[in-house]
Amino acid sequence: MKKDILHIVKSVYLLHVVFWLTWIISFTFIQTLNDGAQSWFVWLMYYIITLPVFVAHTYIIAYWLLPKTFFKERYLWFAAGIFVLLIVFSVLELLVSNYLVFQFFDKTRMFSPGFLNFRNIVISGVGNHYIILVFLAIKAGTSWYRAEYEKQELQRSNLETELEIYRYQLQPRIVFELMDELESLTIKKGENAPEMIINISNFLNRFLYEGKEELIPLEQEVKLLEEFMTIHSHALGDRLTSNFIVNGNLKTYVVPPLLLLPFINSAIKMAYECNENYESTVIIKVERKYLLFSFTFWSEHSFSIADNEDNKITYQRLHYNYPGKHRLVENIDDNFREFSIEIYP
């Protein structure tokens, strides 16, 4: 942490140095264009020697006057401070430029006697305020950018924490639901229980060890979903016709685990509650720059699948892993539901 802070401080110092060096070089060049190439040395000395005056004037306003007055809505004090600082630093700039720059490097540019009058002081001070305005504009811009960056980082950190919690909660919840369904099946159709236990065991072996990773090979994802559908196909028997279709080279992708599972699980739970016949189709299609997860659920009778927190967290997972490179499509009818996740890696 200490090294990170020191790095940030060094970066800020470097930005300030670059700003003032840019100011010296650019305005020396501008003044040279006005007065001819032979004057470049005089103006370079002017901006170097008067630099402490401009730096002090700018930083006092930016880091003391603004926080103490303007940001606390003491606008009259702020205006008074601006005026006083204008007078003080304008006098300093006139004295330094006349007696430390022009007297030594170009006496023809020295001011005439009586140059320290109120009119010259105000004109010089107002003319010199452009550097303060530029500095404050850059400072405001960088502060806004830094605040937005920190806000985005905080949102990303919160999302990462939420997704991690979701992964840890998903495992025990799915295990509990499978055990509950196994118990119900044992009571209703005890002869199917051994096969159900084998299917659940195969699924859990993968689910508990592979499903906890942030990204897994697409081949493993397909096997997890296929085994999950096999469990419920055997449990529901003739009431569920399950189709599982895979096209393309699965070895080319890694994906977040169980992206489609929340949608499948919501439909399957509803199938256990209603004594109707259903048909489900899972399609996983892989192309060179396109990946499709699709789940279709159909029945001859009307049904409804309620949205839940798992579905909502899936949207967040997609946005986190594939920002701007995904699309989630839902087609809903009285007796038909389709959920498709399209990914463009």
Foldseek 3Di string as FASTA:
>chain_A
DVVVVVVVVVVVVVVVVVLLVCVLVVVLVVVCVVVHVVCSVLSSVLSVQLVVLLVVLLCCCVPPLCVVAVVVPNVVSSVVVLVVSLQVSLVVSLVCSQPVRCVPPPVVPHDDPPCSDPVNSNVSSVVSCVSSVVVVVVVVVVVVVVVVVVVVVVVLVVLVVVVLVVLVVVLVVVVVVLVVLLVVLCVVPVVLNVVLVVLVVVLNVLCVPVLNDQKDQQVSQLVNVVSVVVNLCSSLPQQEAEAEEEEDDRRPDIDNHPLPVVVVVQVSVVSVVDVFHKYKYWYWYDDDFKTKTKIKMFGPAFDDGDDDPSNVSSVVSCCSVAPVFKDWDWDDDRGMIMIMIMGGD
